[in-house]
């Protein structure tokens, strides 16, 4: 619930004029009382991150695409234009960064899917789409090395048991 409240707040942050205090944003204090303090901590941490000063080209981008014979659905948190003409797909994380390389590799699959989805949505080469996690609480942005390409993602999905026709990516 805290993660969802934070994602909704960031979406409003980027769609609002930055001419007033963070606490003045609509919904800044709409979280449950138990989460309000934590949400405020996340908002303050976000406000001093380099991402808060940038303007995204899109936020909360829903997608569905076919991959390995399955519909894969998800939502890209934010996309930022890069100076070289490429873009960075960013996924906000309210928890702690992974503590092992294995955990990071596992989480990187989500970013690889988001990167591919953005490339397909905008008919651009995947190589022009970067992807990163931003761990809001710690202020750390993590760019995993060697994200799986489309063929590797297809192989990963094809190897999954159960053969579900729809895969849903969660935050």
C-alpha atoms as a PDB file:
ATOM      1  CA  UNK A   1       0.000   0.000   0.000  1.00  0.00           C
ATOM      2  CA  UNK A   2       2.857   2.418   0.792  1.00  0.00           C
ATOM      3  CA  UNK A   3       4.460   1.687  -2.578  1.00  0.00           C
ATOM      4  CA  UNK A   4       1.183   2.339  -4.386  1.00  0.00           C
ATOM      5  CA  UNK A   5       0.637   5.602  -2.489  1.00  0.00           C
ATOM      6  CA  UNK A   6       4.166   6.703  -3.394  1.00  0.00           C
ATOM      7  CA  UNK A   7       3.724   5.843  -7.093  1.00  0.00           C
ATOM      8  CA  UNK A   8       0.468   7.806  -7.219  1.00  0.00           C
ATOM      9  CA  UNK A   9       2.121  10.758  -5.504  1.00  0.00           C
ATOM     10  CA  UNK A  10       5.061  10.778  -7.956  1.00  0.00           C
ATOM     11  CA  UNK A  11       2.645  10.720 -10.876  1.00  0.00           C
ATOM     12  CA  UNK A  12       0.885  13.796  -9.484  1.00  0.00           C
ATOM     13  CA  UNK A  13       4.248  15.436  -8.717  1.00  0.00           C
ATOM     14  CA  UNK A  14       5.344  15.270 -12.327  1.00  0.00           C
ATOM     15  CA  UNK A  15       1.993  16.433 -13.651  1.00  0.00           C
ATOM     16  CA  UNK A  16       1.780  19.412 -11.277  1.00  0.00           C
ATOM     17  CA  UNK A  17       3.467  22.774 -11.611  1.00  0.00           C
ATOM     18  CA  UNK A  18       6.582  22.905  -9.437  1.00  0.00           C
ATOM     19  CA  UNK A  19       5.739  26.346  -8.080  1.00  0.00           C
ATOM     20  CA  UNK A  20       4.766  25.310  -4.576  1.00  0.00           C
ATOM     21  CA  UNK A  21       5.904  23.203  -1.680  1.00  0.00           C
ATOM     22  CA  UNK A  22       5.833  19.395  -1.937  1.00  0.00           C
ATOM     23  CA  UNK A  23       3.272  19.222   0.884  1.00  0.00           C
ATOM     24  CA  UNK A  24       0.894  21.343  -1.205  1.00  0.00           C
ATOM     25  CA  UNK A  25       0.584  18.668  -3.882  1.00  0.00           C
ATOM     26  CA  UNK A  26      -2.853  17.055  -4.061  1.00  0.00           C
ATOM     27  CA  UNK A  27      -2.866  13.808  -2.129  1.00  0.00           C
ATOM     28  CA  UNK A  28       0.460  14.458  -0.434  1.00  0.00           C
ATOM     29  CA  UNK A  29      -1.080  13.477   2.884  1.00  0.00           C
ATOM     30  CA  UNK A  30      -3.808  11.065   1.750  1.00  0.00           C
ATOM     31  CA  UNK A  31      -2.101   7.902   3.008  1.00  0.00           C
ATOM     32  CA  UNK A  32      -3.344   6.010   6.051  1.00  0.00           C
ATOM     33  CA  UNK A  33      -2.112   7.455   9.333  1.00  0.00           C
ATOM     34  CA  UNK A  34       0.276   4.536   9.833  1.00  0.00           C
ATOM     35  CA  UNK A  35       1.892   5.116   6.445  1.00  0.00           C
ATOM     36  CA  UNK A  36       1.811   8.919   6.464  1.00  0.00           C
ATOM     37  CA  UNK A  37       5.203   9.322   8.149  1.00  0.00           C
ATOM     38  CA  UNK A  38       6.844   6.788   5.855  1.00  0.00           C
ATOM     39  CA  UNK A  39       5.238   8.354   2.792  1.00  0.00           C
ATOM     40  CA  UNK A  40       6.534  11.762   3.860  1.00  0.00           C
ATOM     41  CA  UNK A  41      10.041  10.281   4.253  1.00  0.00           C
ATOM     42  CA  UNK A  42       9.834   8.853   0.733  1.00  0.00           C
ATOM     43  CA  UNK A  43       8.566  12.160  -0.656  1.00  0.00           C
ATOM     44  CA  UNK A  44      11.443  14.041   0.983  1.00  0.00           C
ATOM     45  CA  UNK A  45      13.982  11.494  -0.263  1.00  0.00           C
ATOM     46  CA  UNK A  46      12.553  11.746  -3.769  1.00  0.00           C
ATOM     47  CA  UNK A  47      12.666  15.559  -3.659  1.00  0.00           C
ATOM     48  CA  UNK A  48      16.462  15.536  -3.238  1.00  0.00           C
ATOM     49  CA  UNK A  49      17.048  12.872  -5.899  1.00  0.00           C
ATOM     50  CA  UNK A  50      18.342  13.895  -9.327  1.00  0.00           C
ATOM     51  CA  UNK A  51      15.127  12.539 -10.854  1.00  0.00           C
ATOM     52  CA  UNK A  52      12.936  15.127  -9.114  1.00  0.00           C
ATOM     53  CA  UNK A  53      14.664  17.927 -11.013  1.00  0.00           C
ATOM     54  CA  UNK A  54      14.135  16.275 -14.407  1.00  0.00           C
ATOM     55  CA  UNK A  55      10.937  16.321 -16.417  1.00  0.00           C
ATOM     56  CA  UNK A  56       9.823  12.899 -17.647  1.00  0.00           C
ATOM     57  CA  UNK A  57       8.430  12.467 -21.123  1.00  0.00           C
ATOM     58  CA  UNK A  58       5.865  10.051 -19.704  1.00  0.00           C
ATOM     59  CA  UNK A  59       4.753   8.542 -16.385  1.00  0.00           C
ATOM     60  CA  UNK A  60       2.716   5.482 -15.410  1.00  0.00           C
ATOM     61  CA  UNK A  61       2.668   4.069 -18.941  1.00  0.00           C
ATOM     62  CA  UNK A  62       0.470   0.971 -19.231  1.00  0.00           C
ATOM     63  CA  UNK A  63       1.429  -1.649 -21.778  1.00  0.00           C
ATOM     64  CA  UNK A  64       0.529  -5.092 -22.966  1.00  0.00           C
ATOM     65  CA  UNK A  65       2.544  -6.995 -25.518  1.00  0.00           C
ATOM     66  CA  UNK A  66       2.897 -10.493 -26.855  1.00  0.00           C
ATOM     67  CA  UNK A  67       6.024 -12.297 -25.766  1.00  0.00           C
ATOM     68  CA  UNK A  68       6.600 -16.038 -26.119  1.00  0.00           C
ATOM     69  CA  UNK A  69       2.944 -16.519 -27.042  1.00  0.00           C
ATOM     70  CA  UNK A  70       1.745 -14.774 -23.876  1.00  0.00           C
ATOM     71  CA  UNK A  71       0.300 -11.374 -23.204  1.00  0.00           C
ATOM     72  CA  UNK A  72       2.614  -9.527 -20.820  1.00  0.00           C
ATOM     73  CA  UNK A  73       1.080  -6.549 -19.023  1.00  0.00           C
ATOM     74  CA  UNK A  74       2.693  -3.930 -16.868  1.00  0.00           C
ATOM     75  CA  UNK A  75       3.104  -0.261 -16.107  1.00  0.00           C
ATOM     76  CA  UNK A  76       6.280   1.744 -16.643  1.00  0.00           C
ATOM     77  CA  UNK A  77       6.776   4.232 -13.800  1.00  0.00           C
ATOM     78  CA  UNK A  78       8.607   6.997 -15.681  1.00  0.00           C
ATOM     79  CA  UNK A  79      10.563   7.629 -18.873  1.00  0.00           C
ATOM     80  CA  UNK A  80      13.183  10.368 -19.213  1.00  0.00           C
ATOM     81  CA  UNK A  81      14.822  11.708 -22.380  1.00  0.00           C
ATOM     82  CA  UNK A  82      18.609  11.383 -22.476  1.00  0.00           C
ATOM     83  CA  UNK A  83      21.005  13.876 -24.076  1.00  0.00           C
ATOM     84  CA  UNK A  84      22.053  11.391 -26.772  1.00  0.00           C
ATOM     85  CA  UNK A  85      18.505  10.967 -28.111  1.00  0.00           C
ATOM     86  CA  UNK A  86      17.825   7.788 -26.173  1.00  0.00           C
ATOM     87  CA  UNK A  87      15.601   7.391 -23.146  1.00  0.00           C
ATOM     88  CA  UNK A  88      15.823   5.928 -19.656  1.00  0.00           C
ATOM     89  CA  UNK A  89      12.946   3.836 -18.355  1.00  0.00           C
ATOM     90  CA  UNK A  90      12.888   4.224 -14.586  1.00  0.00           C
ATOM     91  CA  UNK A  91      11.207   2.003 -12.017  1.00  0.00           C
ATOM     92  CA  UNK A  92      10.690   3.504  -8.550  1.00  0.00           C
ATOM     93  CA  UNK A  93      11.347   1.140  -5.668  1.00  0.00           C
ATOM     94  CA  UNK A  94      10.329   2.034  -2.122  1.00  0.00           C
ATOM     95  CA  UNK A  95      12.168  -0.898  -0.547  1.00  0.00           C
ATOM     96  CA  UNK A  96      15.864  -1.576  -0.175  1.00  0.00           C
ATOM     97  CA  UNK A  97      18.231  -2.337  -3.076  1.00  0.00           C
ATOM     98  CA  UNK A  98      19.002  -6.019  -3.681  1.00  0.00           C
ATOM     99  CA  UNK A  99      21.696  -7.400  -1.426  1.00  0.00           C
ATOM    100  CA  UNK A 100      22.985 -10.063  -3.839  1.00  0.00           C
ATOM    101  CA  UNK A 101      23.894 -10.188  -7.523  1.00  0.00           C
ATOM    102  CA  UNK A 102      21.369 -13.007  -7.960  1.00  0.00           C
ATOM    103  CA  UNK A 103      18.588 -10.813  -6.591  1.00  0.00           C
ATOM    104  CA  UNK A 104      19.585  -7.976  -8.922  1.00  0.00           C
ATOM    105  CA  UNK A 105      19.639 -10.324 -11.947  1.00  0.00           C
ATOM    106  CA  UNK A 106      16.185 -11.605 -11.010  1.00  0.00           C
ATOM    107  CA  UNK A 107      14.810  -8.054 -10.637  1.00  0.00           C
ATOM    108  CA  UNK A 108      16.461  -6.969 -13.884  1.00  0.00           C
ATOM    109  CA  UNK A 109      14.041  -9.130 -15.886  1.00  0.00           C
ATOM    110  CA  UNK A 110      11.297  -6.639 -15.001  1.00  0.00           C
ATOM    111  CA  UNK A 111      13.384  -3.762 -16.376  1.00  0.00           C
ATOM    112  CA  UNK A 112      14.194  -5.714 -19.524  1.00  0.00           C
ATOM    113  CA  UNK A 113      10.473  -6.198 -20.168  1.00  0.00           C
ATOM    114  CA  UNK A 114       9.792  -2.490 -19.546  1.00  0.00           C
ATOM    115  CA  UNK A 115      12.607  -1.519 -21.909  1.00  0.00           C
ATOM    116  CA  UNK A 116      11.277  -3.796 -24.642  1.00  0.00           C
ATOM    117  CA  UNK A 117       7.720  -2.532 -24.109  1.00  0.00           C
ATOM    118  CA  UNK A 118       8.779   1.121 -24.464  1.00  0.00           C
ATOM    119  CA  UNK A 119      10.804   0.307 -27.593  1.00  0.00           C
ATOM    120  CA  UNK A 120       7.813  -1.450 -29.149  1.00  0.00           C
ATOM    121  CA  UNK A 121       5.340   1.270 -28.125  1.00  0.00           C
ATOM    122  CA  UNK A 122       7.497   3.923 -29.778  1.00  0.00           C
ATOM    123  CA  UNK A 123       8.944   1.887 -32.650  1.00  0.00           C
ATOM    124  CA  UNK A 124      12.530   2.490 -31.638  1.00  0.00           C
ATOM    125  CA  UNK A 125      15.514   0.170 -31.259  1.00  0.00           C
ATOM    126  CA  UNK A 126      15.853  -1.444 -27.844  1.00  0.00           C
ATOM    127  CA  UNK A 127      19.475  -0.289 -27.834  1.00  0.00           C
ATOM    128  CA  UNK A 128      18.261   3.322 -27.509  1.00  0.00           C
ATOM    129  CA  UNK A 129      16.311   2.511 -24.328  1.00  0.00           C
ATOM    130  CA  UNK A 130      18.189   2.369 -21.031  1.00  0.00           C
ATOM    131  CA  UNK A 131      16.578   1.105 -17.838  1.00  0.00           C
ATOM    132  CA  UNK A 132      17.217   1.616 -14.137  1.00  0.00           C
ATOM    133  CA  UNK A 133      15.728   1.160 -10.690  1.00  0.00           C
ATOM    134  CA  UNK A 134      15.675   4.126  -8.336  1.00  0.00           C
ATOM    135  CA  UNK A 135      15.532   3.054  -4.694  1.00  0.00           C
ATOM    136  CA  UNK A 136      13.846   6.110  -3.256  1.00  0.00           C
ATOM    137  CA  UNK A 137      14.548   5.571   0.432  1.00  0.00           C
ATOM    138  CA  UNK A 138      18.311   5.165  -0.070  1.00  0.00           C
ATOM    139  CA  UNK A 139      18.530   7.621  -2.975  1.00  0.00           C
ATOM    140  CA  UNK A 140      20.372   5.011  -5.020  1.00  0.00           C
ATOM    141  CA  UNK A 141      19.845   4.495  -8.749  1.00  0.00           C
ATOM    142  CA  UNK A 142      20.849   1.033  -9.955  1.00  0.00           C
ATOM    143  CA  UNK A 143      21.510   0.286 -13.618  1.00  0.00           C
ATOM    144  CA  UNK A 144      21.799  -3.492 -14.002  1.00  0.00           C
ATOM    145  CA  UNK A 145      24.453  -4.737 -16.409  1.00  0.00           C
ATOM    146  CA  UNK A 146      23.475  -6.909 -19.344  1.00  0.00           C
ATOM    147  CA  UNK A 147      19.682  -6.758 -19.318  1.00  0.00           C
ATOM    148  CA  UNK A 148      18.155  -9.743 -21.141  1.00  0.00           C
ATOM    149  CA  UNK A 149      17.292  -8.995 -24.761  1.00  0.00           C
ATOM    150  CA  UNK A 150      14.045 -10.017 -26.454  1.00  0.00           C
ATOM    151  CA  UNK A 151      15.282 -13.520 -27.322  1.00  0.00           C
ATOM    152  CA  UNK A 152      16.409 -14.120 -23.733  1.00  0.00           C
ATOM    153  CA  UNK A 153      13.053 -12.881 -22.392  1.00  0.00           C
ATOM    154  CA  UNK A 154      11.211 -15.209 -24.756  1.00  0.00           C
ATOM    155  CA  UNK A 155      13.358 -18.121 -23.570  1.00  0.00           C
ATOM    156  CA  UNK A 156      12.694 -17.225 -19.913  1.00  0.00           C
ATOM    157  CA  UNK A 157       8.931 -17.070 -20.448  1.00  0.00           C
ATOM    158  CA  UNK A 158       8.867 -20.224 -22.544  1.00  0.00           C
ATOM    159  CA  UNK A 159      10.640 -22.092 -19.739  1.00  0.00           C
ATOM    160  CA  UNK A 160       8.029 -21.082 -17.150  1.00  0.00           C
ATOM    161  CA  UNK A 161       5.715 -23.928 -16.136  1.00  0.00           C
ATOM    162  CA  UNK A 162       1.962 -23.629 -16.297  1.00  0.00           C
ATOM    163  CA  UNK A 163       1.648 -22.049 -19.712  1.00  0.00           C
ATOM    164  CA  UNK A 164      -0.484 -19.150 -18.489  1.00  0.00           C
ATOM    165  CA  UNK A 165      -1.488 -16.951 -21.364  1.00  0.00           C
ATOM    166  CA  UNK A 166      -1.171 -13.684 -19.433  1.00  0.00           C
ATOM    167  CA  UNK A 167       1.807 -12.570 -17.384  1.00  0.00           C
ATOM    168  CA  UNK A 168       1.326  -9.534 -15.149  1.00  0.00           C
ATOM    169  CA  UNK A 169       4.308  -7.550 -13.915  1.00  0.00           C
ATOM    170  CA  UNK A 170       3.857  -5.966 -10.529  1.00  0.00           C
ATOM    171  CA  UNK A 171       5.532  -2.984  -8.958  1.00  0.00           C
END
